[in-house]
Amino acid sequence: EGMVLHRQVLDRLDGETLSTVDLLEAVRAAGFAWEVSPMTS
């Protein structure tokens, strides 16, 4: 449904414009692991 990213992740990805799938992969390629959390609202 959505994502939460820390500023250090956004800085590493350098303001790119990505599809959801490409963003999922880019975060992994930048060395970060995804956590999963239920959507609260």
PDB file of all heavy atoms in Angstrom:
ATOM      1  N   GLU A   1       0.823  -1.212   0.000  1.00  0.00           N
ATOM      2  CA  GLU A   1       0.000   0.000   0.000  1.00  0.00           C
ATOM      3  C   GLU A   1       0.860   1.266   0.000  1.00  0.00           C
ATOM      4  O   GLU A   1       0.414   2.323  -0.422  1.00  0.00           O
ATOM      5  CB  GLU A   1      -0.911   0.029   1.235  1.00  0.00           C
ATOM      6  CG  GLU A   1      -1.848  -1.141   1.341  1.00  0.00           C
ATOM      7  CD  GLU A   1      -3.053  -1.015   0.441  1.00  0.00           C
ATOM      8  OE1 GLU A   1      -3.239   0.049  -0.167  1.00  0.00           O
ATOM      9  OE2 GLU A   1      -3.806  -1.990   0.346  1.00  0.00           O
ATOM     10  N   GLY A   2       2.067   1.145   0.536  1.00  0.00           N
ATOM     11  CA  GLY A   2       2.942   2.308   0.626  1.00  0.00           C
ATOM     12  C   GLY A   2       4.296   1.908   1.181  1.00  0.00           C
ATOM     13  O   GLY A   2       4.583   0.724   1.367  1.00  0.00           O
ATOM     14  N   MET A   3       5.107   2.917   1.435  1.00  0.00           N
ATOM     15  CA  MET A   3       6.462   2.688   1.924  1.00  0.00           C
ATOM     16  C   MET A   3       6.836   3.785   2.907  1.00  0.00           C
ATOM     17  O   MET A   3       6.279   4.882   2.863  1.00  0.00           O
ATOM     18  CB  MET A   3       7.451   2.719   0.760  1.00  0.00           C
ATOM     19  CG  MET A   3       7.154   1.699  -0.298  1.00  0.00           C
ATOM     20  SD  MET A   3       8.186   1.974  -1.741  1.00  0.00           S
ATOM     21  CE  MET A   3       7.174   1.141  -2.964  1.00  0.00           C
ATOM     22  N   VAL A   4       7.777   3.469   3.771  1.00  0.00           N
ATOM     23  CA  VAL A   4       8.388   4.454   4.658  1.00  0.00           C
ATOM     24  C   VAL A   4       9.886   4.403   4.372  1.00  0.00           C
ATOM     25  O   VAL A   4      10.482   3.320   4.385  1.00  0.00           O
ATOM     26  CB  VAL A   4       8.129   4.132   6.150  1.00  0.00           C
ATOM     27  CG1 VAL A   4       8.855   5.122   7.050  1.00  0.00           C
ATOM     28  CG2 VAL A   4       6.638   4.111   6.453  1.00  0.00           C
ATOM     29  N   LEU A   5      10.468   5.556   4.082  1.00  0.00           N
ATOM     30  CA  LEU A   5      11.908   5.613   3.838  1.00  0.00           C
ATOM     31  C   LEU A   5      12.548   6.649   4.746  1.00  0.00           C
ATOM     32  O   LEU A   5      11.986   7.709   5.003  1.00  0.00           O
ATOM     33  CB  LEU A   5      12.212   5.966   2.381  1.00  0.00           C
ATOM     34  CG  LEU A   5      11.843   4.917   1.336  1.00  0.00           C
ATOM     35  CD1 LEU A   5      12.174   5.435  -0.059  1.00  0.00           C
ATOM     36  CD2 LEU A   5      12.535   3.595   1.601  1.00  0.00           C
ATOM     37  N   HIS A   6      13.743   6.309   5.211  1.00  0.00           N
ATOM     38  CA  HIS A   6      14.551   7.215   6.015  1.00  0.00           C
ATOM     39  C   HIS A   6      15.287   8.164   5.069  1.00  0.00           C
ATOM     40  O   HIS A   6      15.567   7.832   3.915  1.00  0.00           O
ATOM     41  CB  HIS A   6      15.563   6.398   6.840  1.00  0.00           C
ATOM     42  CG  HIS A   6      16.255   7.207   7.883  1.00  0.00           C
ATOM     43  ND1 HIS A   6      17.351   7.995   7.602  1.00  0.00           N
ATOM     44  CD2 HIS A   6      16.004   7.359   9.206  1.00  0.00           C
ATOM     45  CE1 HIS A   6      17.761   8.592   8.703  1.00  0.00           C
ATOM     46  NE2 HIS A   6      16.952   8.222   9.690  1.00  0.00           N
ATOM     47  N   ARG A   7      15.627   9.323   5.561  1.00  0.00           N
ATOM     48  CA  ARG A   7      16.341  10.325   4.771  1.00  0.00           C
ATOM     49  C   ARG A   7      17.622   9.760   4.149  1.00  0.00           C
ATOM     50  O   ARG A   7      17.956  10.070   3.005  1.00  0.00           O
ATOM     51  CB  ARG A   7      16.681  11.531   5.662  1.00  0.00           C
ATOM     52  CG  ARG A   7      17.350  12.666   4.924  1.00  0.00           C
ATOM     53  CD  ARG A   7      17.582  13.859   5.830  1.00  0.00           C
ATOM     54  NE  ARG A   7      16.386  14.320   6.494  1.00  0.00           N
ATOM     55  CZ  ARG A   7      15.451  15.097   5.937  1.00  0.00           C
ATOM     56  NH1 ARG A   7      15.575  15.465   4.686  1.00  0.00           N
ATOM     57  NH2 ARG A   7      14.392  15.484   6.624  1.00  0.00           N
ATOM     58  N   GLN A   8      18.339   8.887   4.869  1.00  0.00           N
ATOM     59  CA  GLN A   8      19.593   8.338   4.320  1.00  0.00           C
ATOM     60  C   GLN A   8      19.344   7.481   3.076  1.00  0.00           C
ATOM     61  O   GLN A   8      20.167   7.449   2.169  1.00  0.00           O
ATOM     62  CB  GLN A   8      20.361   7.551   5.369  1.00  0.00           C
ATOM     63  CG  GLN A   8      19.675   6.278   5.820  1.00  0.00           C
ATOM     64  CD  GLN A   8      20.396   5.590   6.958  1.00  0.00           C
ATOM     65  OE1 GLN A   8      21.398   6.069   7.453  1.00  0.00           O
ATOM     66  NE2 GLN A   8      19.883   4.452   7.379  1.00  0.00           N
ATOM     67  N   VAL A   9      18.177   6.818   3.016  1.00  0.00           N
ATOM     68  CA  VAL A   9      17.826   6.034   1.823  1.00  0.00           C
ATOM     69  C   VAL A   9      17.539   6.983   0.663  1.00  0.00           C
ATOM     70  O   VAL A   9      18.038   6.796  -0.452  1.00  0.00           O
ATOM     71  CB  VAL A   9      16.611   5.117   2.083  1.00  0.00           C
ATOM     72  CG1 VAL A   9      16.230   4.359   0.817  1.00  0.00           C
ATOM     73  CG2 VAL A   9      16.900   4.158   3.225  1.00  0.00           C
ATOM     74  N   LEU A  10      16.732   8.015   0.931  1.00  0.00           N
ATOM     75  CA  LEU A  10      16.412   8.986  -0.117  1.00  0.00           C
ATOM     76  C   LEU A  10      17.679   9.682  -0.629  1.00  0.00           C
ATOM     77  O   LEU A  10      17.832   9.891  -1.836  1.00  0.00           O
ATOM     78  CB  LEU A  10      15.411  10.012   0.405  1.00  0.00           C
ATOM     79  CG  LEU A  10      14.004   9.471   0.668  1.00  0.00           C
ATOM     80  CD1 LEU A  10      13.159  10.501   1.395  1.00  0.00           C
ATOM     81  CD2 LEU A  10      13.342   9.040  -0.616  1.00  0.00           C
ATOM     82  N   ASP A  11      18.586  10.005   0.271  1.00  0.00           N
ATOM     83  CA  ASP A  11      19.846  10.639  -0.148  1.00  0.00           C
ATOM     84  C   ASP A  11      20.642   9.706  -1.059  1.00  0.00           C
ATOM     85  O   ASP A  11      21.210  10.138  -2.055  1.00  0.00           O
ATOM     86  CB  ASP A  11      20.695  11.023   1.056  1.00  0.00           C
ATOM     87  CG  ASP A  11      20.127  12.204   1.834  1.00  0.00           C
ATOM     88  OD1 ASP A  11      19.214  12.890   1.314  1.00  0.00           O
ATOM     89  OD2 ASP A  11      20.584  12.430   2.975  1.00  0.00           O
ATOM     90  N   ARG A  12      20.678   8.438  -0.728  1.00  0.00           N
ATOM     91  CA  ARG A  12      21.429   7.464  -1.524  1.00  0.00           C
ATOM     92  C   ARG A  12      20.822   7.294  -2.912  1.00  0.00           C
ATOM     93  O   ARG A  12      21.521   7.056  -3.882  1.00  0.00           O
ATOM     94  CB  ARG A  12      21.463   6.125  -0.787  1.00  0.00           C
ATOM     95  CG  ARG A  12      22.287   5.051  -1.406  1.00  0.00           C
ATOM     96  CD  ARG A  12      23.732   4.948  -0.951  1.00  0.00           C
ATOM     97  NE  ARG A  12      23.984   4.952   0.466  1.00  0.00           N
ATOM     98  CZ  ARG A  12      24.124   3.880   1.235  1.00  0.00           C
ATOM     99  NH1 ARG A  12      23.993   2.678   0.720  1.00  0.00           N
ATOM    100  NH2 ARG A  12      24.392   4.012   2.509  1.00  0.00           N
ATOM    101  N   LEU A  13      19.495   7.434  -3.019  1.00  0.00           N
ATOM    102  CA  LEU A  13      18.820   7.251  -4.305  1.00  0.00           C
ATOM    103  C   LEU A  13      18.776   8.544  -5.130  1.00  0.00           C
ATOM    104  O   LEU A  13      18.327   8.530  -6.277  1.00  0.00           O
ATOM    105  CB  LEU A  13      17.408   6.703  -4.087  1.00  0.00           C
ATOM    106  CG  LEU A  13      17.371   5.330  -3.413  1.00  0.00           C
ATOM    107  CD1 LEU A  13      15.934   4.885  -3.214  1.00  0.00           C
ATOM    108  CD2 LEU A  13      18.156   4.301  -4.184  1.00  0.00           C
ATOM    109  N   ASP A  14      19.237   9.644  -4.550  1.00  0.00           N
ATOM    110  CA  ASP A  14      19.531  10.873  -5.285  1.00  0.00           C
ATOM    111  C   ASP A  14      18.360  11.444  -6.089  1.00  0.00           C
ATOM    112  O   ASP A  14      18.529  11.839  -7.244  1.00  0.00           O
ATOM    113  CB  ASP A  14      20.739  10.643  -6.196  1.00  0.00           C
ATOM    114  CG  ASP A  14      21.376  11.947  -6.649  1.00  0.00           C
ATOM    115  OD1 ASP A  14      21.298  12.935  -5.899  1.00  0.00           O
ATOM    116  OD2 ASP A  14      21.923  11.975  -7.762  1.00  0.00           O
ATOM    117  N   GLY A  15      17.160  11.461  -5.512  1.00  0.00           N
ATOM    118  CA  GLY A  15      16.032  12.147  -6.141  1.00  0.00           C
ATOM    119  C   GLY A  15      15.514  11.551  -7.436  1.00  0.00           C
ATOM    120  O   GLY A  15      14.920  12.242  -8.251  1.00  0.00           O
ATOM    121  N   GLU A  16      15.732  10.279  -7.644  1.00  0.00           N
ATOM    122  CA  GLU A  16      15.277   9.632  -8.876  1.00  0.00           C
ATOM    123  C   GLU A  16      13.752   9.584  -8.951  1.00  0.00           C
ATOM    124  O   GLU A  16      13.062   9.724  -7.952  1.00  0.00           O
ATOM    125  CB  GLU A  16      15.815   8.198  -8.949  1.00  0.00           C
ATOM    126  CG  GLU A  16      17.326   8.110  -9.070  1.00  0.00           C
ATOM    127  CD  GLU A  16      17.784   6.678  -9.247  1.00  0.00           C
ATOM    128  OE1 GLU A  16      17.238   5.978 -10.116  1.00  0.00           O
ATOM    129  OE2 GLU A  16      18.703   6.273  -8.511  1.00  0.00           O
ATOM    130  N   THR A  17      13.232   9.348 -10.141  1.00  0.00           N
ATOM    131  CA  THR A  17      11.816   9.075 -10.352  1.00  0.00           C
ATOM    132  C   THR A  17      11.727   7.628 -10.813  1.00  0.00           C
ATOM    133  O   THR A  17      12.314   7.269 -11.834  1.00  0.00           O
ATOM    134  CB  THR A  17      11.201  10.022 -11.399  1.00  0.00           C
ATOM    135  OG1 THR A  17      11.291  11.355 -10.895  1.00  0.00           O
ATOM    136  CG2 THR A  17       9.748   9.676 -11.654  1.00  0.00           C
ATOM    137  N   LEU A  18      11.036   6.799 -10.026  1.00  0.00           N
ATOM    138  CA  LEU A  18      11.033   5.356 -10.266  1.00  0.00           C
ATOM    139  C   LEU A  18       9.622   4.782 -10.181  1.00  0.00           C
ATOM    140  O   LEU A  18       8.775   5.318  -9.465  1.00  0.00           O
ATOM    141  CB  LEU A  18      11.901   4.653  -9.209  1.00  0.00           C
ATOM    142  CG  LEU A  18      13.355   5.075  -9.104  1.00  0.00           C
ATOM    143  CD1 LEU A  18      13.962   4.546  -7.819  1.00  0.00           C
ATOM    144  CD2 LEU A  18      14.134   4.565 -10.302  1.00  0.00           C
ATOM    145  N   SER A  19       9.408   3.659 -10.845  1.00  0.00           N
ATOM    146  CA  SER A  19       8.185   2.900 -10.636  1.00  0.00           C
ATOM    147  C   SER A  19       8.285   2.227  -9.273  1.00  0.00           C
ATOM    148  O   SER A  19       9.369   2.146  -8.686  1.00  0.00           O
ATOM    149  CB  SER A  19       8.020   1.840 -11.730  1.00  0.00           C
ATOM    150  OG  SER A  19       8.997   0.822 -11.558  1.00  0.00           O
ATOM    151  N   THR A  20       7.172   1.730  -8.785  1.00  0.00           N
ATOM    152  CA  THR A  20       7.187   1.043  -7.491  1.00  0.00           C
ATOM    153  C   THR A  20       8.150  -0.135  -7.510  1.00  0.00           C
ATOM    154  O   THR A  20       8.953  -0.318  -6.591  1.00  0.00           O
ATOM    155  CB  THR A  20       5.769   0.568  -7.125  1.00  0.00           C
ATOM    156  OG1 THR A  20       4.897   1.699  -7.105  1.00  0.00           O
ATOM    157  CG2 THR A  20       5.739  -0.106  -5.772  1.00  0.00           C
ATOM    158  N   VAL A  21       8.094  -0.940  -8.560  1.00  0.00           N
ATOM    159  CA  VAL A  21       8.965  -2.118  -8.659  1.00  0.00           C
ATOM    160  C   VAL A  21      10.426  -1.694  -8.713  1.00  0.00           C
ATOM    161  O   VAL A  21      11.283  -2.267  -8.027  1.00  0.00           O
ATOM    162  CB  VAL A  21       8.591  -2.977  -9.894  1.00  0.00           C
ATOM    163  CG1 VAL A  21       9.598  -4.080 -10.121  1.00  0.00           C
ATOM    164  CG2 VAL A  21       7.197  -3.554  -9.728  1.00  0.00           C
ATOM    165  N   ASP A  22      10.733  -0.659  -9.505  1.00  0.00           N
ATOM    166  CA  ASP A  22      12.118  -0.188  -9.602  1.00  0.00           C
ATOM    167  C   ASP A  22      12.601   0.375  -8.269  1.00  0.00           C
ATOM    168  O   ASP A  22      13.768   0.216  -7.911  1.00  0.00           O
ATOM    169  CB  ASP A  22      12.258   0.862 -10.700  1.00  0.00           C
ATOM    170  CG  ASP A  22      12.129   0.275 -12.091  1.00  0.00           C
ATOM    171  OD1 ASP A  22      12.297  -0.961 -12.252  1.00  0.00           O
ATOM    172  OD2 ASP A  22      11.849   1.052 -13.033  1.00  0.00           O
ATOM    173  N   LEU A  23      11.707   1.034  -7.521  1.00  0.00           N
ATOM    174  CA  LEU A  23      12.082   1.559  -6.212  1.00  0.00           C
ATOM    175  C   LEU A  23      12.395   0.423  -5.239  1.00  0.00           C
ATOM    176  O   LEU A  23      13.373   0.485  -4.494  1.00  0.00           O
ATOM    177  CB  LEU A  23      10.977   2.455  -5.654  1.00  0.00           C
ATOM    178  CG  LEU A  23      11.217   3.042  -4.261  1.00  0.00           C
ATOM    179  CD1 LEU A  23      12.539   3.794  -4.183  1.00  0.00           C
ATOM    180  CD2 LEU A  23      10.061   3.935  -3.859  1.00  0.00           C
ATOM    181  N   LEU A  24      11.586  -0.635  -5.260  1.00  0.00           N
ATOM    182  CA  LEU A  24      11.861  -1.784  -4.397  1.00  0.00           C
ATOM    183  C   LEU A  24      13.267  -2.320  -4.662  1.00  0.00           C
ATOM    184  O   LEU A  24      14.029  -2.589  -3.733  1.00  0.00           O
ATOM    185  CB  LEU A  24      10.828  -2.891  -4.637  1.00  0.00           C
ATOM    186  CG  LEU A  24       9.401  -2.601  -4.195  1.00  0.00           C
ATOM    187  CD1 LEU A  24       8.461  -3.678  -4.697  1.00  0.00           C
ATOM    188  CD2 LEU A  24       9.316  -2.454  -2.696  1.00  0.00           C
ATOM    189  N   GLU A  25      13.614  -2.469  -5.921  1.00  0.00           N
ATOM    190  CA  GLU A  25      14.932  -2.987  -6.295  1.00  0.00           C
ATOM    191  C   GLU A  25      16.045  -1.987  -5.989  1.00  0.00           C
ATOM    192  O   GLU A  25      17.123  -2.377  -5.539  1.00  0.00           O
ATOM    193  CB  GLU A  25      14.946  -3.364  -7.776  1.00  0.00           C
ATOM    194  CG  GLU A  25      14.055  -4.535  -8.118  1.00  0.00           C
ATOM    195  CD  GLU A  25      14.441  -5.814  -7.378  1.00  0.00           C
ATOM    196  OE1 GLU A  25      15.651  -6.055  -7.182  1.00  0.00           O
ATOM    197  OE2 GLU A  25      13.533  -6.555  -6.986  1.00  0.00           O
ATOM    198  N   ALA A  26      15.814  -0.698  -6.225  1.00  0.00           N
ATOM    199  CA  ALA A  26      16.835   0.321  -5.994  1.00  0.00           C
ATOM    200  C   ALA A  26      17.219   0.402  -4.521  1.00  0.00           C
ATOM    201  O   ALA A  26      18.393   0.578  -4.182  1.00  0.00           O
ATOM    202  CB  ALA A  26      16.353   1.679  -6.498  1.00  0.00           C
ATOM    203  N   VAL A  27      16.235   0.259  -3.638  1.00  0.00           N
ATOM    204  CA  VAL A  27      16.514   0.287  -2.201  1.00  0.00           C
ATOM    205  C   VAL A  27      17.411  -0.905  -1.834  1.00  0.00           C
ATOM    206  O   VAL A  27      18.392  -0.755  -1.110  1.00  0.00           O
ATOM    207  CB  VAL A  27      15.205   0.299  -1.380  1.00  0.00           C
ATOM    208  CG1 VAL A  27      15.464   0.022   0.095  1.00  0.00           C
ATOM    209  CG2 VAL A  27      14.488   1.632  -1.572  1.00  0.00           C
ATOM    210  N   ARG A  28      17.090  -2.075  -2.359  1.00  0.00           N
ATOM    211  CA  ARG A  28      17.927  -3.261  -2.104  1.00  0.00           C
ATOM    212  C   ARG A  28      19.332  -3.075  -2.678  1.00  0.00           C
ATOM    213  O   ARG A  28      20.317  -3.394  -2.030  1.00  0.00           O
ATOM    214  CB  ARG A  28      17.287  -4.504  -2.709  1.00  0.00           C
ATOM    215  CG  ARG A  28      16.269  -5.127  -1.812  1.00  0.00           C
ATOM    216  CD  ARG A  28      15.904  -6.517  -2.289  1.00  0.00           C
ATOM    217  NE  ARG A  28      14.469  -6.620  -2.200  1.00  0.00           N
ATOM    218  CZ  ARG A  28      13.663  -6.966  -3.176  1.00  0.00           C
ATOM    219  NH1 ARG A  28      14.120  -7.308  -4.342  1.00  0.00           N
ATOM    220  NH2 ARG A  28      12.375  -7.003  -2.989  1.00  0.00           N
ATOM    221  N   ALA A  29      19.397  -2.567  -3.906  1.00  0.00           N
ATOM    222  CA  ALA A  29      20.699  -2.369  -4.557  1.00  0.00           C
ATOM    223  C   ALA A  29      21.550  -1.341  -3.811  1.00  0.00           C
ATOM    224  O   ALA A  29      22.782  -1.409  -3.855  1.00  0.00           O
ATOM    225  CB  ALA A  29      20.487  -1.933  -6.008  1.00  0.00           C
ATOM    226  N   ALA A  30      20.900  -0.410  -3.105  1.00  0.00           N
ATOM    227  CA  ALA A  30      21.623   0.594  -2.323  1.00  0.00           C
ATOM    228  C   ALA A  30      22.105   0.035  -0.980  1.00  0.00           C
ATOM    229  O   ALA A  30      22.743   0.739  -0.209  1.00  0.00           O
ATOM    230  CB  ALA A  30      20.737   1.811  -2.094  1.00  0.00           C
ATOM    231  N   GLY A  31      21.773  -1.232  -0.707  1.00  0.00           N
ATOM    232  CA  GLY A  31      22.268  -1.888   0.499  1.00  0.00           C
ATOM    233  C   GLY A  31      21.326  -1.880   1.683  1.00  0.00           C
ATOM    234  O   GLY A  31      21.740  -2.188   2.800  1.00  0.00           O
ATOM    235  N   PHE A  32      20.067  -1.549   1.454  1.00  0.00           N
ATOM    236  CA  PHE A  32      19.090  -1.528   2.546  1.00  0.00           C
ATOM    237  C   PHE A  32      18.146  -2.719   2.426  1.00  0.00           C
ATOM    238  O   PHE A  32      17.805  -3.132   1.327  1.00  0.00           O
ATOM    239  CB  PHE A  32      18.273  -0.232   2.514  1.00  0.00           C
ATOM    240  CG  PHE A  32      19.105   0.997   2.704  1.00  0.00           C
ATOM    241  CD1 PHE A  32      19.520   1.741   1.606  1.00  0.00           C
ATOM    242  CD2 PHE A  32      19.486   1.403   3.969  1.00  0.00           C
ATOM    243  CE1 PHE A  32      20.296   2.881   1.764  1.00  0.00           C
ATOM    244  CE2 PHE A  32      20.267   2.542   4.137  1.00  0.00           C
ATOM    245  CZ  PHE A  32      20.670   3.283   3.033  1.00  0.00           C
ATOM    246  N   ALA A  33      17.734  -3.248   3.568  1.00  0.00           N
ATOM    247  CA  ALA A  33      16.774  -4.356   3.591  1.00  0.00           C
ATOM    248  C   ALA A  33      15.390  -3.792   3.898  1.00  0.00           C
ATOM    249  O   ALA A  33      15.242  -2.879   4.716  1.00  0.00           O
ATOM    250  CB  ALA A  33      17.166  -5.378   4.656  1.00  0.00           C
ATOM    251  N   TRP A  34      14.376  -4.331   3.234  1.00  0.00           N
ATOM    252  CA  TRP A  34      12.996  -3.932   3.495  1.00  0.00           C
ATOM    253  C   TRP A  34      12.464  -4.654   4.719  1.00  0.00           C
ATOM    254  O   TRP A  34      12.652  -5.858   4.858  1.00  0.00           O
ATOM    255  CB  TRP A  34      12.102  -4.272   2.303  1.00  0.00           C
ATOM    256  CG  TRP A  34      12.276  -3.361   1.138  1.00  0.00           C
ATOM    257  CD1 TRP A  34      12.967  -3.623  -0.005  1.00  0.00           C
ATOM    258  CD2 TRP A  34      11.745  -2.052   0.991  1.00  0.00           C
ATOM    259  NE1 TRP A  34      12.897  -2.552  -0.852  1.00  0.00           N
ATOM    260  CE2 TRP A  34      12.147  -1.570  -0.266  1.00  0.00           C
ATOM    261  CE3 TRP A  34      10.962  -1.235   1.801  1.00  0.00           C
ATOM    262  CZ2 TRP A  34      11.796  -0.306  -0.733  1.00  0.00           C
ATOM    263  CZ3 TRP A  34      10.617   0.021   1.338  1.00  0.00           C
ATOM    264  CH2 TRP A  34      11.027   0.475   0.083  1.00  0.00           C
ATOM    265  N   GLU A  35      11.800  -3.935   5.608  1.00  0.00           N
ATOM    266  CA  GLU A  35      11.001  -4.525   6.677  1.00  0.00           C
ATOM    267  C   GLU A  35       9.551  -4.490   6.197  1.00  0.00           C
ATOM    268  O   GLU A  35       9.208  -3.709   5.316  1.00  0.00           O
ATOM    269  CB  GLU A  35      11.119  -3.705   7.969  1.00  0.00           C
ATOM    270  CG  GLU A  35      12.489  -3.721   8.585  1.00  0.00           C
ATOM    271  CD  GLU A  35      12.551  -2.841   9.834  1.00  0.00           C
ATOM    272  OE1 GLU A  35      11.495  -2.576  10.450  1.00  0.00           O
ATOM    273  OE2 GLU A  35      13.653  -2.418  10.169  1.00  0.00           O
ATOM    274  N   VAL A  36       8.715  -5.324   6.784  1.00  0.00           N
ATOM    275  CA  VAL A  36       7.301  -5.359   6.413  1.00  0.00           C
ATOM    276  C   VAL A  36       6.475  -4.992   7.639  1.00  0.00           C
ATOM    277  O   VAL A  36       6.718  -5.491   8.734  1.00  0.00           O
ATOM    278  CB  VAL A  36       6.905  -6.766   5.897  1.00  0.00           C
ATOM    279  CG1 VAL A  36       5.425  -6.834   5.605  1.00  0.00           C
ATOM    280  CG2 VAL A  36       7.718  -7.120   4.657  1.00  0.00           C
ATOM    281  N   SER A  37       5.490  -4.105   7.428  1.00  0.00           N
ATOM    282  CA  SER A  37       4.615  -3.681   8.510  1.00  0.00           C
ATOM    283  C   SER A  37       3.189  -3.569   7.977  1.00  0.00           C
ATOM    284  O   SER A  37       2.987  -3.120   6.848  1.00  0.00           O
ATOM    285  CB  SER A  37       5.066  -2.320   9.043  1.00  0.00           C
ATOM    286  OG  SER A  37       4.198  -1.872  10.058  1.00  0.00           O
ATOM    287  N   PRO A  38       2.195  -3.963   8.766  1.00  0.00           N
ATOM    288  CA  PRO A  38       0.812  -3.793   8.316  1.00  0.00           C
ATOM    289  C   PRO A  38       0.481  -2.307   8.156  1.00  0.00           C
ATOM    290  O   PRO A  38       0.961  -1.481   8.915  1.00  0.00           O
ATOM    291  CB  PRO A  38      -0.033  -4.404   9.431  1.00  0.00           C
ATOM    292  CG  PRO A  38       0.894  -4.969  10.426  1.00  0.00           C
ATOM    293  CD  PRO A  38       2.283  -4.567  10.071  1.00  0.00           C
ATOM    294  N   MET A  39      -0.312  -2.004   7.158  1.00  0.00           N
ATOM    295  CA  MET A  39      -0.756  -0.626   6.944  1.00  0.00           C
ATOM    296  C   MET A  39      -1.674  -0.262   8.098  1.00  0.00           C
ATOM    297  O   MET A  39      -2.644  -0.945   8.373  1.00  0.00           O
ATOM    298  CB  MET A  39      -1.516  -0.548   5.608  1.00  0.00           C
ATOM    299  CG  MET A  39      -1.951   0.817   5.242  1.00  0.00           C
ATOM    300  SD  MET A  39      -0.509   1.778   4.795  1.00  0.00           S
ATOM    301  CE  MET A  39      -1.304   3.217   4.140  1.00  0.00           C
ATOM    302  N   THR A  40      -1.369   0.839   8.773  1.00  0.00           N
ATOM    303  CA  THR A  40      -2.156   1.189   9.956  1.00  0.00           C
ATOM    304  C   THR A  40      -3.353   2.055   9.625  1.00  0.00           C
ATOM    305  O   THR A  40      -4.374   1.972  10.283  1.00  0.00           O
ATOM    306  CB  THR A  40      -1.272   1.941  10.977  1.00  0.00           C
ATOM    307  OG1 THR A  40      -0.678   3.067  10.319  1.00  0.00           O
ATOM    308  CG2 THR A  40      -0.208   1.025  11.519  1.00  0.00           C
ATOM    309  N   SER A  41      -3.247   2.891   8.595  1.00  0.00           N
ATOM    310  CA  SER A  41      -4.394   3.713   8.206  1.00  0.00           C
ATOM    311  C   SER A  41      -4.124   4.303   6.827  1.00  0.00           C
ATOM    312  O   SER A  41      -3.003   4.447   6.408  1.00  0.00           O
ATOM    313  CB  SER A  41      -4.648   4.830   9.203  1.00  0.00           C
ATOM    314  OG  SER A  41      -3.564   5.739   9.205  1.00  0.00           O
TER     315      SER A  41
END
